[in-house]
C-alpha atoms as a PDB file:
ATOM      1  CA  MET A   1     161.482 254.187  42.920  1.00  0.00           C
ATOM      2  CA  SER A   2     163.254 253.994  46.233  1.00  0.00           C
ATOM      3  CA  ALA A   3     164.731 250.975  47.992  1.00  0.00           C
ATOM      4  CA  THR A   4     161.905 251.162  50.544  1.00  0.00           C
ATOM      5  CA  THR A   5     159.339 250.800  47.751  1.00  0.00           C
ATOM      6  CA  ILE A   6     161.136 247.684  46.484  1.00  0.00           C
ATOM      7  CA  ILE A   7     161.080 246.208  50.001  1.00  0.00           C
ATOM      8  CA  ASP A   8     157.376 247.008  50.416  1.00  0.00           C
ATOM      9  CA  THR A   9     155.997 246.054  46.994  1.00  0.00           C
ATOM     10  CA  ALA A  10     158.311 243.941  44.814  1.00  0.00           C
ATOM     11  CA  PRO A  11     157.690 240.167  44.896  1.00  0.00           C
ATOM     12  CA  LEU A  12     160.482 237.650  45.413  1.00  0.00           C
ATOM     13  CA  GLY A  13     161.759 236.576  42.009  1.00  0.00           C
ATOM     14  CA  ALA A  14     161.335 239.981  40.362  1.00  0.00           C
ATOM     15  CA  LEU A  15     164.183 241.371  38.268  1.00  0.00           C
ATOM     16  CA  ILE A  16     165.278 244.662  39.814  1.00  0.00           C
ATOM     17  CA  ARG A  17     167.304 247.245  37.891  1.00  0.00           C
ATOM     18  CA  TYR A  18     169.261 249.855  39.846  1.00  0.00           C
ATOM     19  CA  THR A  19     171.221 252.928  38.830  1.00  0.00           C
ATOM     20  CA  ASP A  20     172.960 255.952  40.229  1.00  0.00           C
ATOM     21  CA  GLY A  21     171.961 257.976  37.155  1.00  0.00           C
ATOM     22  CA  SER A  22     175.447 258.494  35.787  1.00  0.00           C
ATOM     23  CA  PRO A  23     176.283 257.713  32.139  1.00  0.00           C
ATOM     24  CA  LYS A  24     178.227 254.556  31.344  1.00  0.00           C
ATOM     25  CA  PRO A  25     181.915 255.346  30.728  1.00  0.00           C
ATOM     26  CA  PRO A  26     183.700 254.029  27.632  1.00  0.00           C
ATOM     27  CA  ALA A  27     185.151 250.502  27.892  1.00  0.00           C
ATOM     28  CA  ARG A  28     188.721 251.800  27.627  1.00  0.00           C
ATOM     29  CA  PHE A  29     188.369 253.368  31.092  1.00  0.00           C
ATOM     30  CA  THR A  30     188.388 250.057  32.943  1.00  0.00           C
ATOM     31  CA  LYS A  31     188.544 251.433  36.499  1.00  0.00           C
ATOM     32  CA  LYS A  32     185.767 253.956  35.886  1.00  0.00           C
ATOM     33  CA  LEU A  33     183.692 251.262  34.198  1.00  0.00           C
ATOM     34  CA  ALA A  34     184.171 248.869  37.135  1.00  0.00           C
ATOM     35  CA  ALA A  35     183.094 251.606  39.575  1.00  0.00           C
ATOM     36  CA  TRP A  36     180.047 252.402  37.411  1.00  0.00           C
ATOM     37  CA  GLU A  37     179.034 248.712  37.308  1.00  0.00           C
ATOM     38  CA  ARG A  38     178.989 248.589  41.132  1.00  0.00           C
ATOM     39  CA  SER A  39     176.238 251.244  41.144  1.00  0.00           C
ATOM     40  CA  ASN A  40     174.344 250.233  37.997  1.00  0.00           C
ATOM     41  CA  GLY A  41     173.051 246.747  37.311  1.00  0.00           C
ATOM     42  CA  VAL A  42     170.249 244.242  37.493  1.00  0.00           C
ATOM     43  CA  GLY A  43     169.536 241.275  39.730  1.00  0.00           C
ATOM     44  CA  ARG A  44     166.793 238.907  40.851  1.00  0.00           C
ATOM     45  CA  LEU A  45     165.195 239.746  44.215  1.00  0.00           C
ATOM     46  CA  VAL A  46     165.977 236.784  46.478  1.00  0.00           C
ATOM     47  CA  LYS A  47     165.579 238.090  50.028  1.00  0.00           C
ATOM     48  CA  LYS A  48     163.989 240.892  52.050  1.00  0.00           C
ATOM     49  CA  GLU A  49     165.028 241.590  55.622  1.00  0.00           C
ATOM     50  CA  PRO A  50     163.295 243.797  58.198  1.00  0.00           C
ATOM     51  CA  PRO A  51     165.208 246.308  60.320  1.00  0.00           C
ATOM     52  CA  ARG A  52     167.406 244.610  62.941  1.00  0.00           C
ATOM     53  CA  LEU A  53     167.851 246.018  66.431  1.00  0.00           C
ATOM     54  CA  TYR A  54     171.271 245.823  68.066  1.00  0.00           C
ATOM     55  CA  ALA A  55     172.407 247.135  71.439  1.00  0.00           C
ATOM     56  CA  THR A  56     173.979 250.301  70.030  1.00  0.00           C
ATOM     57  CA  TRP A  57     172.299 250.816  66.651  1.00  0.00           C
ATOM     58  CA  THR A  58     169.517 249.691  64.333  1.00  0.00           C
ATOM     59  CA  ALA A  59     170.336 248.196  60.944  1.00  0.00           C
ATOM     60  CA  PRO A  60     167.849 249.422  58.324  1.00  0.00           C
ATOM     61  CA  ALA A  61     165.625 247.079  56.325  1.00  0.00           C
ATOM     62  CA  SER A  62     167.358 245.642  53.274  1.00  0.00           C
ATOM     63  CA  PHE A  63     166.971 243.378  50.276  1.00  0.00           C
ATOM     64  CA  THR A  64     169.345 241.114  48.386  1.00  0.00           C
ATOM     65  CA  LEU A  65     169.706 240.699  44.619  1.00  0.00           C
ATOM     66  CA  HIS A  66     171.241 237.672  42.917  1.00  0.00           C
ATOM     67  CA  GLU A  67     173.322 239.149  40.101  1.00  0.00           C
ATOM     68  CA  GLY A  68     174.894 236.025  38.640  1.00  0.00           C
ATOM     69  CA  ASN A  69     177.174 233.020  38.973  1.00  0.00           C
ATOM     70  CA  PHE A  70     180.661 232.195  37.798  1.00  0.00           C
ATOM     71  CA  SER A  71     181.009 228.512  36.975  1.00  0.00           C
ATOM     72  CA  SER A  72     183.450 226.050  35.480  1.00  0.00           C
ATOM     73  CA  ASP A  73     182.517 222.672  33.978  1.00  0.00           C
ATOM     74  CA  GLY A  74     178.945 223.056  35.243  1.00  0.00           C
ATOM     75  CA  VAL A  75     180.009 223.717  38.857  1.00  0.00           C
ATOM     76  CA  ILE A  76     179.130 227.099  40.351  1.00  0.00           C
ATOM     77  CA  LEU A  77     182.292 228.536  41.887  1.00  0.00           C
ATOM     78  CA  VAL A  78     181.136 232.028  42.885  1.00  0.00           C
ATOM     79  CA  THR A  79     177.672 233.483  43.350  1.00  0.00           C
ATOM     80  CA  ILE A  80     177.334 237.275  43.116  1.00  0.00           C
ATOM     81  CA  MET A  81     174.801 238.659  45.605  1.00  0.00           C
ATOM     82  CA  ARG A  82     174.396 242.346  46.360  1.00  0.00           C
ATOM     83  CA  SER A  83     172.434 243.744  49.302  1.00  0.00           C
ATOM     84  CA  HIS A  84     170.917 247.217  49.368  1.00  0.00           C
ATOM     85  CA  SER A  85     169.607 248.940  52.488  1.00  0.00           C
ATOM     86  CA  ALA A  86     166.392 250.928  52.691  1.00  0.00           C
ATOM     87  CA  ASP A  87     168.390 254.143  52.937  1.00  0.00           C
ATOM     88  CA  SER A  88     170.228 253.567  49.625  1.00  0.00           C
ATOM     89  CA  THR A  89     170.470 256.606  47.339  1.00  0.00           C
ATOM     90  CA  LEU A  90     170.271 254.455  44.185  1.00  0.00           C
ATOM     91  CA  VAL A  91     167.162 254.503  41.976  1.00  0.00           C
ATOM     92  CA  PHE A  92     165.454 251.123  41.584  1.00  0.00           C
ATOM     93  CA  GLU A  93     162.836 249.782  39.189  1.00  0.00           C
ATOM     94  CA  VAL A  94     161.075 246.469  38.751  1.00  0.00           C
ATOM     95  CA  ALA A  95     162.200 245.333  35.300  1.00  0.00           C
ATOM     96  CA  GLU A  96     160.171 242.103  35.301  1.00  0.00           C
ATOM     97  CA  GLU A  97     157.879 240.324  37.739  1.00  0.00           C
ATOM     98  CA  PRO A  98     157.561 236.543  37.968  1.00  0.00           C
ATOM     99  CA  LYS A  99     154.898 235.225  35.602  1.00  0.00           C
ATOM    100  CA  PRO A 100     151.742 233.561  36.948  1.00  0.00           C
ATOM    101  CA  GLY A 101     152.254 229.809  37.073  1.00  0.00           C
ATOM    102  CA  GLN A 102     155.985 229.990  37.719  1.00  0.00           C
ATOM    103  CA  VAL A 103     157.129 228.289  40.906  1.00  0.00           C
ATOM    104  CA  ARG A 104     159.311 229.797  43.591  1.00  0.00           C
ATOM    105  CA  VAL A 105     161.611 227.430  45.493  1.00  0.00           C
ATOM    106  CA  LEU A 106     161.891 229.005  48.938  1.00  0.00           C
ATOM    107  CA  LEU A 107     163.928 228.336  52.058  1.00  0.00           C
ATOM    108  CA  ASP A 108     162.846 229.671  55.455  1.00  0.00           C
ATOM    109  CA  PHE A 109     165.461 230.365  58.119  1.00  0.00           C
ATOM    110  CA  GLY A 110     166.019 232.884  60.852  1.00  0.00           C
ATOM    111  CA  GLY A 111     162.546 234.361  60.396  1.00  0.00           C
ATOM    112  CA  ASN A 112     163.251 235.247  56.743  1.00  0.00           C
ATOM    113  CA  THR A 113     162.417 233.618  53.448  1.00  0.00           C
ATOM    114  CA  GLU A 114     164.988 233.329  50.674  1.00  0.00           C
ATOM    115  CA  LEU A 115     164.326 232.531  47.029  1.00  0.00           C
ATOM    116  CA  LEU A 116     166.587 229.689  45.921  1.00  0.00           C
ATOM    117  CA  HIS A 117     165.256 229.195  42.400  1.00  0.00           C
ATOM    118  CA  LEU A 118     162.459 230.367  40.100  1.00  0.00           C
ATOM    119  CA  ALA A 119     161.161 227.491  37.969  1.00  0.00           C
ATOM    120  CA  GLU A 120     158.704 227.352  35.080  1.00  0.00           C
ATOM    121  CA  SER A 121     156.602 224.538  36.604  1.00  0.00           C
ATOM    122  CA  VAL A 122     156.169 222.400  39.701  1.00  0.00           C
ATOM    123  CA  ALA A 123     157.876 219.486  37.941  1.00  0.00           C
ATOM    124  CA  ALA A 124     160.887 221.658  37.045  1.00  0.00           C
ATOM    125  CA  ALA A 125     161.062 222.961  40.634  1.00  0.00           C
ATOM    126  CA  GLU A 126     160.944 219.439  42.088  1.00  0.00           C
ATOM    127  CA  LEU A 127     163.663 218.340  39.674  1.00  0.00           C
ATOM    128  CA  TRP A 128     165.831 221.301  40.712  1.00  0.00           C
ATOM    129  CA  ILE A 129     165.323 220.460  44.413  1.00  0.00           C
ATOM    130  CA  ALA A 130     166.251 216.809  43.810  1.00  0.00           C
ATOM    131  CA  LYS A 131     169.380 217.850  41.892  1.00  0.00           C
ATOM    132  CA  GLU A 132     170.499 220.477  44.428  1.00  0.00           C
ATOM    133  CA  GLY A 133     169.553 218.511  47.568  1.00  0.00           C
ATOM    134  CA  TYR A 134     167.458 221.013  49.509  1.00  0.00           C
ATOM    135  CA  SER A 135     165.338 218.749  51.710  1.00  0.00           C
ATOM    136  CA  ASN A 136     163.648 221.557  53.655  1.00  0.00           C
ATOM    137  CA  ALA A 137     162.739 223.833  50.710  1.00  0.00           C
ATOM    138  CA  ARG A 138     159.123 224.635  49.944  1.00  0.00           C
ATOM    139  CA  LEU A 139     157.367 225.513  46.708  1.00  0.00           C
ATOM    140  CA  GLU A 140     155.098 228.484  46.076  1.00  0.00           C
ATOM    141  CA  ILE A 141     153.196 228.944  42.826  1.00  0.00           C
ATOM    142  CA  VAL A 142     153.130 232.537  41.597  1.00  0.00           C
ATOM    143  CA  GLY A 143     149.472 233.632  41.525  1.00  0.00           C
ATOM    144  CA  ASP A 144     147.885 235.682  38.790  1.00  0.00           C
ATOM    145  CA  GLU A 145     146.461 239.215  39.103  1.00  0.00           C
ATOM    146  CA  ASP A 146     142.827 238.040  39.238  1.00  0.00           C
ATOM    147  CA  GLY A 147     143.351 236.392  42.603  1.00  0.00           C
ATOM    148  CA  GLU A 148     143.428 232.798  41.446  1.00  0.00           C
ATOM    149  CA  ARG A 149     146.022 231.058  43.593  1.00  0.00           C
ATOM    150  CA  ALA A 150     146.497 234.407  45.338  1.00  0.00           C
ATOM    151  CA  GLY A 151     149.286 234.277  47.825  1.00  0.00           C
ATOM    152  CA  GLY A 152     150.624 231.187  46.159  1.00  0.00           C
ATOM    153  CA  ALA A 153     149.684 227.643  46.857  1.00  0.00           C
ATOM    154  CA  ASP A 154     152.256 226.309  49.262  1.00  0.00           C
ATOM    155  CA  LEU A 155     153.457 222.838  48.443  1.00  0.00           C
ATOM    156  CA  ALA A 156     155.782 220.790  50.592  1.00  0.00           C
ATOM    157  CA  ALA A 157     158.974 219.790  48.852  1.00  0.00           C
END
């Protein structure tokens, strides 16, 4: 599917796989492998942004994937985030959607919502918020397909 389809239909917290369609090179070709990994990977959908109008041009809609963290002694040193615009030529697919009952920890700013964490329960989400210190985060329970808790029950954090 296209990047536009991901922006329109994929829920925050979904695992998104992307590829350029090329085969993975052998590990001995380190530069080719590094280039391939920049166009082929998987990440958790954490943010969607609408098109932005500027004086001389319009930035297309985009979405951001959280691809991982590098840490040392339990402290996150680097977070890998990758943004893709709606006009990306890569092929995307939803590898996994959040399960009903999971809890999204969300932060609203600048007219956008960003996923900070995807927890298994409200208690786990509240514990994560207390540990990380996000005082203005909100919780949203992932609803099931039958419409129960559709849209998520918003809970103040």
